[in-house]
Amino acid sequence: MALEDDIATLTVLVQGMLDESGDQTGFDAKVWLDGGLTGVVPALGRRRPIDVLNESVGLEVAKSLLLRA
C-alpha cells in the first residue's frame, strides 16, 4: 500500500504544479505520472522512478526531481 500512497502523493504534487502553471487543458496528472514512473531517467542513474520509490528515501528523491522540472 505504501507504493500506492507514494504515487498518490506525487500525483497531488504534479497537479499542484500544473495548477500554478496555468492552462490545464487536456492534461491528466495521473496519466502523465503513470507513464513517467516506468521510463528510465538519467537523473536517477538510469533507473525507473517506480523502482526508486521502493527505497526508503524514494519518495523524497522523486519529489525533489519533480520540483526541479
PDB file of N, CA and C in Angstrom:
ATOM      1  N   MET A   1       0.814  -1.202   0.000  1.00  0.00           N
ATOM      2  CA  MET A   1       0.000   0.000   0.000  1.00  0.00           C
ATOM      3  C   MET A   1       0.859   1.269   0.000  1.00  0.00           C
ATOM      4  N   ALA A   2       2.061   1.202   0.531  1.00  0.00           N
ATOM      5  CA  ALA A   2       2.915   2.387   0.594  1.00  0.00           C
ATOM      6  C   ALA A   2       3.237   2.926  -0.794  1.00  0.00           C
ATOM      7  N   LEU A   3       3.464   2.035  -1.753  1.00  0.00           N
ATOM      8  CA  LEU A   3       3.758   2.485  -3.114  1.00  0.00           C
ATOM      9  C   LEU A   3       2.573   3.255  -3.684  1.00  0.00           C
ATOM     10  N   GLU A   4       1.375   2.753  -3.459  1.00  0.00           N
ATOM     11  CA  GLU A   4       0.177   3.457  -3.940  1.00  0.00           C
ATOM     12  C   GLU A   4       0.055   4.822  -3.276  1.00  0.00           C
ATOM     13  N   ASP A   5       0.381   4.904  -1.997  1.00  0.00           N
ATOM     14  CA  ASP A   5       0.340   6.188  -1.289  1.00  0.00           C
ATOM     15  C   ASP A   5       1.376   7.158  -1.854  1.00  0.00           C
ATOM     16  N   ASP A   6       2.563   6.649  -2.151  1.00  0.00           N
ATOM     17  CA  ASP A   6       3.609   7.493  -2.736  1.00  0.00           C
ATOM     18  C   ASP A   6       3.182   8.024  -4.103  1.00  0.00           C
ATOM     19  N   ILE A   7       2.576   7.174  -4.904  1.00  0.00           N
ATOM     20  CA  ILE A   7       2.108   7.597  -6.227  1.00  0.00           C
ATOM     21  C   ILE A   7       1.006   8.642  -6.085  1.00  0.00           C
ATOM     22  N   ALA A   8       0.116   8.452  -5.122  1.00  0.00           N
ATOM     23  CA  ALA A   8      -0.940   9.441  -4.879  1.00  0.00           C
ATOM     24  C   ALA A   8      -0.331  10.778  -4.455  1.00  0.00           C
ATOM     25  N   THR A   9       0.685  10.738  -3.608  1.00  0.00           N
ATOM     26  CA  THR A   9       1.366  11.962  -3.170  1.00  0.00           C
ATOM     27  C   THR A   9       2.008  12.682  -4.349  1.00  0.00           C
ATOM     28  N   LEU A  10       2.664  11.929  -5.213  1.00  0.00           N
ATOM     29  CA  LEU A  10       3.300  12.529  -6.391  1.00  0.00           C
ATOM     30  C   LEU A  10       2.262  13.087  -7.357  1.00  0.00           C
ATOM     31  N   THR A  11       1.125  12.416  -7.477  1.00  0.00           N
ATOM     32  CA  THR A  11       0.054  12.910  -8.351  1.00  0.00           C
ATOM     33  C   THR A  11      -0.449  14.257  -7.856  1.00  0.00           C
ATOM     34  N   VAL A  12      -0.636  14.387  -6.551  1.00  0.00           N
ATOM     35  CA  VAL A  12      -1.074  15.662  -5.970  1.00  0.00           C
ATOM     36  C   VAL A  12      -0.021  16.743  -6.228  1.00  0.00           C
ATOM     37  N   LEU A  13       1.246  16.394  -6.097  1.00  0.00           N
ATOM     38  CA  LEU A  13       2.321  17.349  -6.362  1.00  0.00           C
ATOM     39  C   LEU A  13       2.297  17.823  -7.812  1.00  0.00           C
ATOM     40  N   VAL A  14       2.187  16.893  -8.745  1.00  0.00           N
ATOM     41  CA  VAL A  14       2.151  17.245 -10.171  1.00  0.00           C
ATOM     42  C   VAL A  14       0.926  18.101 -10.467  1.00  0.00           C
ATOM     43  N   GLN A  15      -0.220  17.743  -9.903  1.00  0.00           N
ATOM     44  CA  GLN A  15      -1.437  18.524 -10.132  1.00  0.00           C
ATOM     45  C   GLN A  15      -1.274  19.940  -9.585  1.00  0.00           C
ATOM     46  N   GLY A  16      -0.643  20.073  -8.427  1.00  0.00           N
ATOM     47  CA  GLY A  16      -0.390  21.395  -7.857  1.00  0.00           C
ATOM     48  C   GLY A  16       0.523  22.233  -8.736  1.00  0.00           C
ATOM     49  N   MET A  17       1.545  21.604  -9.279  1.00  0.00           N
ATOM     50  CA  MET A  17       2.447  22.313 -10.191  1.00  0.00           C
ATOM     51  C   MET A  17       1.685  22.770 -11.431  1.00  0.00           C
ATOM     52  N   LEU A  18       0.818  21.914 -11.907  1.00  0.00           N
ATOM     53  CA  LEU A  18       0.014  22.242 -13.080  1.00  0.00           C
ATOM     54  C   LEU A  18      -0.941  23.387 -12.776  1.00  0.00           C
ATOM     55  N   ASP A  19      -1.561  23.348 -11.602  1.00  0.00           N
ATOM     56  CA  ASP A  19      -2.482  24.415 -11.204  1.00  0.00           C
ATOM     57  C   ASP A  19      -1.776  25.770 -11.185  1.00  0.00           C
ATOM     58  N   GLU A  20      -0.532  25.777 -10.739  1.00  0.00           N
ATOM     59  CA  GLU A  20       0.240  27.022 -10.678  1.00  0.00           C
ATOM     60  C   GLU A  20       0.673  27.510 -12.056  1.00  0.00           C
ATOM     61  N   SER A  21       0.812  26.581 -12.999  1.00  0.00           N
ATOM     62  CA  SER A  21       1.337  26.958 -14.313  1.00  0.00           C
ATOM     63  C   SER A  21       0.294  27.573 -15.236  1.00  0.00           C
ATOM     64  N   GLY A  22      -0.966  27.341 -14.956  1.00  0.00           N
ATOM     65  CA  GLY A  22      -1.997  27.936 -15.799  1.00  0.00           C
ATOM     66  C   GLY A  22      -2.834  26.938 -16.552  1.00  0.00           C
ATOM     67  N   ASP A  23      -2.676  26.887 -17.854  1.00  0.00           N
ATOM     68  CA  ASP A  23      -3.530  26.091 -18.732  1.00  0.00           C
ATOM     69  C   ASP A  23      -3.391  24.593 -18.463  1.00  0.00           C
ATOM     70  N   GLN A  24      -4.510  23.959 -18.110  1.00  0.00           N
ATOM     71  CA  GLN A  24      -4.533  22.531 -17.809  1.00  0.00           C
ATOM     72  C   GLN A  24      -5.275  21.733 -18.875  1.00  0.00           C
ATOM     73  N   THR A  25      -5.652  22.372 -19.936  1.00  0.00           N
ATOM     74  CA  THR A  25      -6.462  21.744 -20.964  1.00  0.00           C
ATOM     75  C   THR A  25      -5.822  20.460 -21.482  1.00  0.00           C
ATOM     76  N   GLY A  26      -6.554  19.366 -21.369  1.00  0.00           N
ATOM     77  CA  GLY A  26      -6.114  18.095 -21.927  1.00  0.00           C
ATOM     78  C   GLY A  26      -5.005  17.389 -21.166  1.00  0.00           C
ATOM     79  N   PHE A  27      -4.666  17.881 -19.988  1.00  0.00           N
ATOM     80  CA  PHE A  27      -3.577  17.258 -19.229  1.00  0.00           C
ATOM     81  C   PHE A  27      -4.150  16.518 -18.039  1.00  0.00           C
ATOM     82  N   ASP A  28      -3.753  15.275 -17.872  1.00  0.00           N
ATOM     83  CA  ASP A  28      -4.172  14.458 -16.741  1.00  0.00           C
ATOM     84  C   ASP A  28      -2.919  14.090 -15.952  1.00  0.00           C
ATOM     85  N   ALA A  29      -2.776  14.655 -14.766  1.00  0.00           N
ATOM     86  CA  ALA A  29      -1.569  14.453 -13.964  1.00  0.00           C
ATOM     87  C   ALA A  29      -1.327  12.979 -13.666  1.00  0.00           C
ATOM     88  N   LYS A  30      -2.363  12.236 -13.358  1.00  0.00           N
ATOM     89  CA  LYS A  30      -2.210  10.808 -13.024  1.00  0.00           C
ATOM     90  C   LYS A  30      -1.716  10.015 -14.229  1.00  0.00           C
ATOM     91  N   VAL A  31      -2.294  10.260 -15.390  1.00  0.00           N
ATOM     92  CA  VAL A  31      -1.871   9.555 -16.606  1.00  0.00           C
ATOM     93  C   VAL A  31      -0.421   9.900 -16.933  1.00  0.00           C
ATOM     94  N   TRP A  32      -0.066  11.176 -16.849  1.00  0.00           N
ATOM     95  CA  TRP A  32       1.299  11.608 -17.133  1.00  0.00           C
ATOM     96  C   TRP A  32       2.278  10.958 -16.167  1.00  0.00           C
ATOM     97  N   LEU A  33       1.931  10.978 -14.886  1.00  0.00           N
ATOM     98  CA  LEU A  33       2.812  10.404 -13.876  1.00  0.00           C
ATOM     99  C   LEU A  33       2.956   8.899 -14.058  1.00  0.00           C
ATOM    100  N   ASP A  34       1.860   8.217 -14.321  1.00  0.00           N
ATOM    101  CA  ASP A  34       1.925   6.766 -14.537  1.00  0.00           C
ATOM    102  C   ASP A  34       2.893   6.418 -15.667  1.00  0.00           C
ATOM    103  N   GLY A  35       2.861   7.185 -16.736  1.00  0.00           N
ATOM    104  CA  GLY A  35       3.779   6.946 -17.848  1.00  0.00           C
ATOM    105  C   GLY A  35       5.215   7.255 -17.482  1.00  0.00           C
ATOM    106  N   GLY A  36       5.410   8.309 -16.725  1.00  0.00           N
ATOM    107  CA  GLY A  36       6.756   8.716 -16.349  1.00  0.00           C
ATOM    108  C   GLY A  36       7.415   7.823 -15.313  1.00  0.00           C
ATOM    109  N   LEU A  37       6.625   7.129 -14.532  1.00  0.00           N
ATOM    110  CA  LEU A  37       7.184   6.279 -13.479  1.00  0.00           C
ATOM    111  C   LEU A  37       7.888   5.042 -14.013  1.00  0.00           C
ATOM    112  N   THR A  38       7.563   4.643 -15.215  1.00  0.00           N
ATOM    113  CA  THR A  38       8.117   3.392 -15.739  1.00  0.00           C
ATOM    114  C   THR A  38       9.243   3.588 -16.748  1.00  0.00           C
ATOM    115  N   GLY A  39       9.533   4.828 -17.075  1.00  0.00           N
ATOM    116  CA  GLY A  39      10.617   5.104 -18.015  1.00  0.00           C
ATOM    117  C   GLY A  39      11.945   5.301 -17.294  1.00  0.00           C
ATOM    118  N   VAL A  40      13.024   4.998 -17.958  1.00  0.00           N
ATOM    119  CA  VAL A  40      14.365   5.181 -17.404  1.00  0.00           C
ATOM    120  C   VAL A  40      14.679   6.677 -17.350  1.00  0.00           C
ATOM    121  N   VAL A  41      15.205   7.134 -16.216  1.00  0.00           N
ATOM    122  CA  VAL A  41      15.506   8.550 -16.014  1.00  0.00           C
ATOM    123  C   VAL A  41      17.008   8.716 -15.751  1.00  0.00           C
ATOM    124  N   PRO A  42      17.714   9.431 -16.636  1.00  0.00           N
ATOM    125  CA  PRO A  42      19.157   9.626 -16.446  1.00  0.00           C
ATOM    126  C   PRO A  42      19.508  10.232 -15.083  1.00  0.00           C
ATOM    127  N   ALA A  43      18.696  11.173 -14.607  1.00  0.00           N
ATOM    128  CA  ALA A  43      18.974  11.833 -13.330  1.00  0.00           C
ATOM    129  C   ALA A  43      18.868  10.880 -12.138  1.00  0.00           C
ATOM    130  N   LEU A  44      18.292   9.720 -12.364  1.00  0.00           N
ATOM    131  CA  LEU A  44      18.186   8.704 -11.307  1.00  0.00           C
ATOM    132  C   LEU A  44      19.166   7.560 -11.549  1.00  0.00           C
ATOM    133  N   GLY A  45      20.229   7.857 -12.250  1.00  0.00           N
ATOM    134  CA  GLY A  45      21.207   6.819 -12.554  1.00  0.00           C
ATOM    135  C   GLY A  45      20.677   5.787 -13.529  1.00  0.00           C
ATOM    136  N   ARG A  46      19.834   6.253 -14.447  1.00  0.00           N
ATOM    137  CA  ARG A  46      19.195   5.408 -15.473  1.00  0.00           C
ATOM    138  C   ARG A  46      18.268   4.356 -14.859  1.00  0.00           C
ATOM    139  N   ARG A  47      17.736   4.693 -13.700  1.00  0.00           N
ATOM    140  CA  ARG A  47      16.748   3.811 -13.065  1.00  0.00           C
ATOM    141  C   ARG A  47      15.355   4.343 -13.347  1.00  0.00           C
ATOM    142  N   ARG A  48      14.369   3.521 -13.097  1.00  0.00           N
ATOM    143  CA  ARG A  48      12.979   3.937 -13.245  1.00  0.00           C
ATOM    144  C   ARG A  48      12.483   4.520 -11.918  1.00  0.00           C
ATOM    145  N   PRO A  49      11.725   5.611 -11.956  1.00  0.00           N
ATOM    146  CA  PRO A  49      11.194   6.186 -10.725  1.00  0.00           C
ATOM    147  C   PRO A  49      10.389   5.182  -9.897  1.00  0.00           C
ATOM    148  N   ILE A  50       9.668   4.290 -10.549  1.00  0.00           N
ATOM    149  CA  ILE A  50       8.875   3.306  -9.812  1.00  0.00           C
ATOM    150  C   ILE A  50       9.779   2.425  -8.950  1.00  0.00           C
ATOM    151  N   ASP A  51      10.994   2.149  -9.425  1.00  0.00           N
ATOM    152  CA  ASP A  51      11.950   1.357  -8.644  1.00  0.00           C
ATOM    153  C   ASP A  51      12.536   2.173  -7.496  1.00  0.00           C
ATOM    154  N   VAL A  52      12.784   3.440  -7.744  1.00  0.00           N
ATOM    155  CA  VAL A  52      13.319   4.326  -6.710  1.00  0.00           C
ATOM    156  C   VAL A  52      12.313   4.469  -5.570  1.00  0.00           C
ATOM    157  N   LEU A  53      11.025   4.484  -5.885  1.00  0.00           N
ATOM    158  CA  LEU A  53      10.002   4.623  -4.849  1.00  0.00           C
ATOM    159  C   LEU A  53      10.022   3.469  -3.854  1.00  0.00           C
ATOM    160  N   ASN A  54      10.581   2.351  -4.231  1.00  0.00           N
ATOM    161  CA  ASN A  54      10.665   1.209  -3.321  1.00  0.00           C
ATOM    162  C   ASN A  54      11.793   1.349  -2.302  1.00  0.00           C
ATOM    163  N   GLU A  55      12.621   2.374  -2.436  1.00  0.00           N
ATOM    164  CA  GLU A  55      13.706   2.625  -1.492  1.00  0.00           C
ATOM    165  C   GLU A  55      13.199   3.492  -0.341  1.00  0.00           C
ATOM    166  N   SER A  56      13.906   3.480   0.768  1.00  0.00           N
ATOM    167  CA  SER A  56      13.447   4.200   1.965  1.00  0.00           C
ATOM    168  C   SER A  56      13.295   5.705   1.742  1.00  0.00           C
ATOM    169  N   VAL A  57      14.141   6.297   0.925  1.00  0.00           N
ATOM    170  CA  VAL A  57      14.052   7.741   0.656  1.00  0.00           C
ATOM    171  C   VAL A  57      13.503   8.015  -0.741  1.00  0.00           C
ATOM    172  N   GLY A  58      12.919   7.014  -1.344  1.00  0.00           N
ATOM    173  CA  GLY A  58      12.466   7.112  -2.726  1.00  0.00           C
ATOM    174  C   GLY A  58      11.473   8.223  -2.996  1.00  0.00           C
ATOM    175  N   LEU A  59      10.506   8.399  -2.097  1.00  0.00           N
ATOM    176  CA  LEU A  59       9.503   9.443  -2.312  1.00  0.00           C
ATOM    177  C   LEU A  59      10.164  10.815  -2.318  1.00  0.00           C
ATOM    178  N   GLU A  60      11.069  11.052  -1.396  1.00  0.00           N
ATOM    179  CA  GLU A  60      11.749  12.349  -1.340  1.00  0.00           C
ATOM    180  C   GLU A  60      12.600  12.584  -2.586  1.00  0.00           C
ATOM    181  N   VAL A  61      13.245  11.543  -3.071  1.00  0.00           N
ATOM    182  CA  VAL A  61      14.053  11.657  -4.290  1.00  0.00           C
ATOM    183  C   VAL A  61      13.157  12.012  -5.473  1.00  0.00           C
ATOM    184  N   ALA A  62      12.033  11.329  -5.596  1.00  0.00           N
ATOM    185  CA  ALA A  62      11.110  11.581  -6.708  1.00  0.00           C
ATOM    186  C   ALA A  62      10.511  12.985  -6.617  1.00  0.00           C
ATOM    187  N   LYS A  63      10.129  13.405  -5.420  1.00  0.00           N
ATOM    188  CA  LYS A  63       9.580  14.749  -5.244  1.00  0.00           C
ATOM    189  C   LYS A  63      10.614  15.804  -5.616  1.00  0.00           C
ATOM    190  N   SER A  64      11.837  15.612  -5.187  1.00  0.00           N
ATOM    191  CA  SER A  64      12.905  16.558  -5.494  1.00  0.00           C
ATOM    192  C   SER A  64      13.120  16.676  -6.998  1.00  0.00           C
ATOM    193  N   LEU A  65      13.115  15.551  -7.669  1.00  0.00           N
ATOM    194  CA  LEU A  65      13.298  15.551  -9.119  1.00  0.00           C
ATOM    195  C   LEU A  65      12.159  16.299  -9.817  1.00  0.00           C
ATOM    196  N   LEU A  66      10.936  16.052  -9.393  1.00  0.00           N
ATOM    197  CA  LEU A  66       9.786  16.741  -9.998  1.00  0.00           C
ATOM    198  C   LEU A  66       9.845  18.245  -9.745  1.00  0.00           C
ATOM    199  N   LEU A  67      10.233  18.631  -8.557  1.00  0.00           N
ATOM    200  CA  LEU A  67      10.272  20.056  -8.226  1.00  0.00           C
ATOM    201  C   LEU A  67      11.364  20.805  -8.978  1.00  0.00           C
ATOM    202  N   ARG A  68      12.350  20.094  -9.492  1.00  0.00           N
ATOM    203  CA  ARG A  68      13.403  20.724 -10.296  1.00  0.00           C
ATOM    204  C   ARG A  68      12.981  20.895 -11.750  1.00  0.00           C
ATOM    205  N   ALA A  69      11.873  20.304 -12.126  1.00  0.00           N
ATOM    206  CA  ALA A  69      11.416  20.353 -13.523  1.00  0.00           C
ATOM    207  C   ALA A  69      10.876  21.726 -13.873  1.00  0.00           C
TER     208      ALA A  69
END
